[in-house]
Amino acid sequence: PLNEVRWLSCHFAVNALIRNDDVLVDYCTMEVNENNYPVVKYCLKKLTDPQYCIALTVLDDILGELSELCQTFQRSCLTTIEAYRYAKAKIAKFCSQYLGEKVHWSEKVKQQMAPFDNTVDTRGVLHFISELCEQLDCRFPENELQEWSAFDIEALFPAKFDYGYGTESVIKLMGKYQAVLNLPTDGSISEHICKQYTDYKFIIVEKIKAGAIKTFADMVTHTLKEEQFTDLAQFVDICATFQASSIDCECGFSLMNQIKTKSRNRLEVNHMDQLIRIKYYLAANGDVNLDKIYHHW
C-alpha cells in the first residue's frame, strides 16, 4: 500500500541504534568484562565492525528517504497519480545514486569510510538496495496509471486543443471496470461515455482557466455534481476513492498494525474490486453487513 507504516518504524529503530551506538558499545563492553555473555560478545563484535557500522548508516539513509516518501503520501488532497510519480522519482534517485557506475555515498558514509581508505566491502548493502529497487518497481510498475491520465488535472490543461486526448484511455478504463460498474456489453455505452468525456474535458479546461477549479478535489466535486456526466463520474469517483490522506493514514496506523499482526495478510488486488462494488451497492440503498465483510477478509 502507499501508506507503508513499516518504513517509518524501521527508520526510527535504525536511527535510534545509530544515535546510541557509543552507549551500547560501553554497555556491551562492561557486560563482556563482568559476565562474558556470548550474546553480548556477538553484539559487541557487530557494533565495532566497520562494515556493519557503515551498512547501518547506509540503511539509515535509505530508510530516511523512504520515510520522507511515506510522509509525502500522507498529504491531504494528494492524488493517486501524484503519489505514483513521487514513488517513481524516488526509485530513479536510488538507482542513480547507488546502482550506477559510480556509487554516490552520503557525507556521513564517506566520513566513516575515510579511515579505511574505502576498502570496506559494501557489496551486501548494495545488493540490498538493488533488491529494494526491484521490489519498489514491482509495487509501482511502469505505466500502471497511464489510463488515469485522462483525469489528471495537470495533463488535461495543456491538452485543451487536442480533441482526441484521453479518449483511448477512457475506453481502456471501461474495459477494465466494466464488470465493477455493471456497464452494458453491447458497445452502446462506450460511445456514450466517450461523448461525455469529450464534452467534459473542454468544460474542465474552461473552468480551470476561469479559476473555478484549482485542484483535483475541486474537479472531483464538480464532476460528481454534474448530472450530464453521471456515467463518466463513476470513473472519476474510482480515481478519487483511493487518495492518500494524512488523517486517514494517522488514524489507520494502529488498526493496520493490528491487522498485520493478527493475520499477516495484506489487501490483494481483488479487494479494490470488492470495495468499489460495496460502495456502489450502498449508494443504491443496498444493505451490506460490513462486520461480515471484515471477518471474511
Protein backbone atom coordinates (compact mmCIF):
# COMPACT_ATOMS: atom_id res chain seq x y z
CA PRO A 1 0.00 0.00 0.00
CA LEU A 2 1.06 3.61 -0.48
CA ASN A 3 0.83 4.48 3.22
CA GLU A 4 3.50 2.00 4.30
CA VAL A 5 3.83 2.08 8.11
CA ARG A 6 6.98 -0.05 8.37
CA TRP A 7 9.21 2.47 6.58
CA LEU A 8 8.62 4.92 9.41
CA SER A 9 9.07 2.44 12.26
CA CYS A 10 12.17 0.81 10.72
CA HIS A 11 13.86 4.17 10.21
CA PHE A 12 13.04 5.16 13.79
CA ALA A 13 14.62 1.93 15.10
CA VAL A 14 17.78 2.13 12.96
CA ASN A 15 18.25 5.82 13.69
CA ALA A 16 17.91 5.16 17.43
CA LEU A 17 20.53 2.40 17.22
CA ILE A 18 22.99 4.71 15.45
CA ARG A 19 22.42 7.61 17.86
CA ASN A 20 23.04 5.33 20.86
CA ASP A 21 25.95 3.41 19.38
CA ASP A 22 28.56 4.67 21.87
CA VAL A 23 26.31 3.88 24.84
CA LEU A 24 25.62 0.38 23.52
CA VAL A 25 29.34 -0.30 22.96
CA ASP A 26 30.15 0.82 26.52
CA TYR A 27 27.37 -1.31 27.95
CA CYS A 28 28.34 -4.42 25.96
CA THR A 29 31.99 -3.97 26.88
CA MET A 30 31.07 -3.79 30.55
CA GLU A 31 28.84 -6.88 30.32
CA VAL A 32 31.52 -8.87 28.49
CA ASN A 33 34.14 -7.95 31.11
CA GLU A 34 31.85 -8.74 34.03
CA ASN A 35 29.75 -11.67 32.81
CA ASN A 36 31.22 -12.77 29.48
CA TYR A 37 27.78 -13.44 27.95
CA PRO A 38 28.10 -15.00 24.43
CA VAL A 39 25.19 -12.97 23.02
CA VAL A 40 26.66 -9.71 24.32
CA LYS A 41 30.08 -10.65 22.89
CA TYR A 42 28.41 -11.14 19.49
CA CYS A 43 26.64 -7.76 19.77
CA LEU A 44 29.90 -6.02 20.72
CA LYS A 45 31.67 -7.62 17.77
CA LYS A 46 28.99 -6.34 15.40
CA LEU A 47 28.80 -2.87 16.92
CA THR A 48 32.57 -2.40 16.48
CA ASP A 49 32.72 -3.91 12.97
CA PRO A 50 33.32 -1.08 10.41
CA GLN A 51 31.45 -2.98 7.69
CA TYR A 52 28.40 -3.37 9.95
CA CYS A 53 28.51 0.27 11.09
CA ILE A 54 28.76 1.59 7.54
CA ALA A 55 25.95 -0.70 6.40
CA LEU A 56 23.78 0.67 9.24
CA THR A 57 24.49 4.25 8.17
CA VAL A 58 23.59 3.48 4.55
CA LEU A 59 20.45 1.72 5.74
CA ASP A 60 19.58 4.78 7.82
CA ASP A 61 19.97 6.96 4.71
CA ILE A 62 17.73 4.68 2.64
CA LEU A 63 15.04 4.30 5.31
CA GLY A 64 15.15 8.06 5.87
CA GLU A 65 14.35 8.61 2.19
CA LEU A 66 11.52 6.06 2.34
CA SER A 67 10.13 7.67 5.48
CA GLU A 68 10.07 11.03 3.70
CA LEU A 69 8.24 9.36 0.83
CA CYS A 70 5.77 7.85 3.28
CA GLN A 71 5.12 11.26 4.83
CA THR A 72 4.63 12.71 1.36
CA PHE A 73 1.97 10.05 0.72
CA GLN A 74 0.13 11.30 3.80
CA ARG A 75 -0.51 14.76 2.38
CA SER A 76 -4.16 15.64 2.16
CA CYS A 77 -5.51 16.05 -1.38
CA LEU A 78 -2.60 14.06 -2.83
CA THR A 79 -3.90 12.22 -5.87
CA THR A 80 -3.01 8.61 -6.62
CA ILE A 81 -1.28 9.76 -9.81
CA GLU A 82 0.84 12.28 -7.90
CA ALA A 83 1.76 9.67 -5.29
CA TYR A 84 2.81 7.28 -8.06
CA ARG A 85 5.08 9.94 -9.57
CA TYR A 86 6.73 10.62 -6.22
CA ALA A 87 7.41 6.89 -5.82
CA LYS A 88 8.90 6.53 -9.31
CA ALA A 89 11.10 9.59 -8.71
CA LYS A 90 12.44 8.05 -5.50
CA ILE A 91 13.20 4.75 -7.25
CA ALA A 92 15.05 6.61 -10.03
CA LYS A 93 17.06 8.52 -7.41
CA PHE A 94 18.12 5.31 -5.63
CA CYS A 95 19.18 3.68 -8.91
CA SER A 96 21.18 6.74 -9.98
CA GLN A 97 22.83 7.24 -6.58
CA TYR A 98 23.72 3.66 -5.68
CA LEU A 99 23.36 1.35 -8.69
CA GLY A 100 25.20 3.26 -11.43
CA GLU A 101 28.85 3.00 -12.48
CA LYS A 102 29.82 5.21 -9.52
CA VAL A 103 28.26 4.99 -6.06
CA HIS A 104 27.47 8.37 -4.51
CA TRP A 105 27.66 7.83 -0.76
CA SER A 106 26.36 10.42 1.69
CA GLU A 107 28.83 12.58 3.62
CA LYS A 108 28.21 10.52 6.78
CA VAL A 109 29.18 7.31 4.97
CA LYS A 110 32.24 8.94 3.38
CA GLN A 111 33.46 10.05 6.82
CA GLN A 112 33.11 6.50 8.15
CA MET A 113 34.92 5.03 5.15
CA ALA A 114 37.81 7.51 5.17
CA PRO A 115 39.92 5.79 7.92
CA PHE A 116 39.77 2.52 5.95
CA ASP A 117 40.78 4.01 2.57
CA ASN A 118 37.41 2.96 1.14
CA THR A 119 38.35 -0.74 1.46
CA VAL A 120 35.19 -1.74 3.35
CA ASP A 121 33.14 -4.35 1.50
CA THR A 122 29.79 -2.73 0.58
CA ARG A 123 28.53 -5.42 -1.80
CA GLY A 124 25.99 -6.66 0.72
CA VAL A 125 24.33 -3.29 1.29
CA LEU A 126 24.35 -2.51 -2.45
CA HIS A 127 22.66 -5.85 -3.10
CA PHE A 128 20.02 -4.88 -0.55
CA ILE A 129 19.43 -1.57 -2.37
CA SER A 130 19.16 -3.41 -5.67
CA GLU A 131 16.58 -5.80 -4.21
CA LEU A 132 14.71 -2.86 -2.70
CA CYS A 133 14.50 -1.06 -6.05
CA GLU A 134 13.26 -4.22 -7.75
CA GLN A 135 10.59 -4.63 -5.07
CA LEU A 136 9.52 -1.00 -5.39
CA ASP A 137 9.40 -1.35 -9.17
CA CYS A 138 7.03 -4.29 -8.75
CA ARG A 139 4.83 -2.24 -6.40
CA PHE A 140 4.85 0.77 -8.74
CA PRO A 141 5.19 -0.74 -12.25
CA GLU A 142 5.70 1.38 -15.35
CA ASN A 143 2.54 2.75 -16.99
CA GLU A 144 0.41 1.36 -14.15
CA LEU A 145 -1.71 4.52 -14.06
CA GLN A 146 -1.35 5.50 -17.71
CA GLU A 147 -5.10 5.30 -18.38
CA TRP A 148 -5.85 7.58 -15.43
CA SER A 149 -4.02 10.45 -17.14
CA ALA A 150 -7.40 11.11 -18.76
CA PHE A 151 -8.40 12.62 -15.38
CA ASP A 152 -5.02 14.14 -14.46
CA ILE A 153 -5.70 17.84 -13.97
CA GLU A 154 -2.13 18.78 -14.93
CA ALA A 155 -2.26 16.74 -18.12
CA LEU A 156 -5.72 17.96 -19.11
CA PHE A 157 -4.96 21.66 -19.19
CA PRO A 158 -2.21 21.68 -21.88
CA ALA A 159 -4.35 19.30 -23.96
CA LYS A 160 -7.18 21.79 -24.44
CA PHE A 161 -6.70 21.88 -28.22
CA ASP A 162 -6.37 18.09 -28.63
CA TYR A 163 -9.85 16.82 -29.43
CA GLY A 164 -8.86 13.17 -29.11
CA TYR A 165 -6.87 13.43 -25.87
CA GLY A 166 -7.81 10.83 -23.26
CA THR A 167 -10.49 9.05 -25.28
CA GLU A 168 -8.41 5.91 -25.78
CA SER A 169 -7.60 5.85 -22.05
CA VAL A 170 -11.30 6.11 -21.14
CA ILE A 171 -12.09 3.18 -23.47
CA LYS A 172 -9.42 1.09 -21.69
CA LEU A 173 -10.86 2.05 -18.30
CA MET A 174 -14.31 0.97 -19.46
CA GLY A 175 -12.93 -2.44 -20.38
CA LYS A 176 -11.12 -2.74 -17.05
CA TYR A 177 -14.07 -1.72 -14.85
CA GLN A 178 -16.98 -2.91 -16.95
CA ALA A 179 -17.97 -5.66 -14.51
CA VAL A 180 -17.49 -3.48 -11.44
CA LEU A 181 -19.75 -0.72 -12.75
CA ASN A 182 -22.26 -3.10 -14.37
CA LEU A 183 -21.84 -1.44 -17.77
CA PRO A 184 -23.70 -2.90 -20.79
CA THR A 185 -21.61 -5.14 -23.03
CA ASP A 186 -23.27 -4.23 -26.34
CA GLY A 187 -20.88 -1.33 -27.04
CA SER A 188 -23.53 1.40 -26.89
CA ILE A 189 -22.26 2.69 -23.55
CA SER A 190 -18.74 3.10 -24.93
CA GLU A 191 -19.76 5.72 -27.47
CA HIS A 192 -21.99 7.43 -24.90
CA ILE A 193 -19.24 7.74 -22.26
CA CYS A 194 -16.66 8.84 -24.83
CA LYS A 195 -19.02 11.63 -25.91
CA GLN A 196 -19.45 12.60 -22.25
CA TYR A 197 -15.68 12.69 -21.83
CA THR A 198 -15.16 14.88 -24.89
CA ASP A 199 -17.59 17.48 -23.52
CA TYR A 200 -16.25 17.01 -20.02
CA LYS A 201 -12.59 17.77 -20.71
CA PHE A 202 -13.34 21.01 -22.57
CA ILE A 203 -15.63 22.17 -19.74
CA ILE A 204 -12.98 21.29 -17.14
CA VAL A 205 -10.31 23.21 -19.06
CA GLU A 206 -12.51 26.30 -19.23
CA LYS A 207 -13.25 26.09 -15.51
CA ILE A 208 -9.52 25.77 -14.80
CA LYS A 209 -8.88 28.88 -16.90
CA ALA A 210 -11.60 30.76 -15.02
CA GLY A 211 -10.20 29.67 -11.65
CA ALA A 212 -13.32 27.73 -10.66
CA ILE A 213 -11.28 24.51 -10.50
CA LYS A 214 -7.80 24.62 -8.96
CA THR A 215 -7.21 21.15 -7.53
CA PHE A 216 -8.07 17.54 -8.29
CA ALA A 217 -10.52 17.60 -5.36
CA ASP A 218 -12.31 20.57 -6.98
CA MET A 219 -12.57 18.61 -10.21
CA VAL A 220 -14.00 15.56 -8.44
CA THR A 221 -16.58 17.62 -6.55
CA HIS A 222 -17.68 19.34 -9.76
CA THR A 223 -17.88 16.08 -11.68
CA LEU A 224 -19.98 14.25 -9.09
CA LYS A 225 -22.47 17.14 -9.01
CA GLU A 226 -22.96 17.37 -12.78
CA GLU A 227 -25.89 15.20 -13.90
CA GLN A 228 -24.77 15.30 -17.55
CA PHE A 229 -21.63 13.31 -16.58
CA THR A 230 -23.36 10.62 -14.49
CA ASP A 231 -21.70 7.66 -16.23
CA LEU A 232 -18.28 9.28 -16.57
CA ALA A 233 -18.40 10.38 -12.92
CA GLN A 234 -18.10 6.75 -11.83
CA PHE A 235 -14.55 6.61 -13.21
CA VAL A 236 -13.61 9.91 -11.55
CA ASP A 237 -15.05 8.53 -8.32
CA ILE A 238 -12.87 5.41 -8.56
CA CYS A 239 -9.80 7.56 -9.22
CA ALA A 240 -10.62 9.69 -6.17
CA THR A 241 -11.60 6.85 -3.82
CA PHE A 242 -8.05 5.70 -3.14
CA GLN A 243 -6.50 9.03 -2.20
CA ALA A 244 -3.69 9.15 0.36
CA SER A 245 -4.96 11.30 3.22
CA SER A 246 -2.88 12.28 6.24
CA ILE A 247 -5.89 11.94 8.55
CA ASP A 248 -6.84 8.51 7.20
CA CYS A 249 -3.24 7.33 7.47
CA GLU A 250 -2.69 8.57 11.01
CA CYS A 251 -5.99 7.11 12.24
CA GLY A 252 -5.34 3.89 10.39
CA PHE A 253 -1.82 3.18 11.64
CA SER A 254 -2.80 1.33 14.83
CA LEU A 255 -5.57 -0.59 13.07
CA MET A 256 -3.28 -1.53 10.19
CA ASN A 257 -0.65 -2.80 12.60
CA GLN A 258 -3.26 -4.87 14.45
CA ILE A 259 -4.47 -6.41 11.21
CA LYS A 260 -0.90 -7.20 10.09
CA THR A 261 -0.03 -8.70 13.48
CA LYS A 262 -3.12 -10.90 13.66
CA SER A 263 -3.41 -12.10 10.09
CA ARG A 264 -0.06 -11.18 8.47
CA ASN A 265 -2.03 -10.61 5.28
CA ARG A 266 -2.27 -7.55 3.07
CA LEU A 267 -5.09 -6.32 0.86
CA GLU A 268 -5.00 -8.03 -2.51
CA VAL A 269 -5.91 -6.69 -5.95
CA ASN A 270 -9.42 -8.13 -5.88
CA HIS A 271 -10.20 -6.17 -2.70
CA MET A 272 -10.29 -2.96 -4.74
CA ASP A 273 -12.92 -4.51 -6.97
CA GLN A 274 -14.90 -5.56 -3.90
CA LEU A 275 -14.61 -2.14 -2.25
CA ILE A 276 -15.98 -0.39 -5.32
CA ARG A 277 -18.84 -2.90 -5.56
CA ILE A 278 -19.71 -2.28 -1.89
CA LYS A 279 -19.57 1.49 -2.40
CA TYR A 280 -21.98 1.47 -5.33
CA TYR A 281 -24.24 -1.11 -3.72
CA LEU A 282 -24.57 1.12 -0.67
CA ALA A 283 -25.15 4.15 -2.90
CA ALA A 284 -28.07 2.26 -4.46
CA ASN A 285 -29.57 1.84 -0.95
CA GLY A 286 -28.41 -1.77 -0.71
CA ASP A 287 -27.82 -3.37 2.68
CA VAL A 288 -24.28 -4.57 3.44
CA ASN A 289 -23.07 -6.22 6.65
CA LEU A 290 -19.64 -4.61 6.99
CA ASP A 291 -18.73 -6.76 10.02
CA LYS A 292 -19.16 -9.94 7.96
CA ILE A 293 -17.06 -8.46 5.16
CA TYR A 294 -14.29 -7.53 7.61
CA HIS A 295 -14.20 -11.04 9.09
CA HIS A 296 -14.32 -12.59 5.61
CA TRP A 297 -11.25 -10.60 4.56
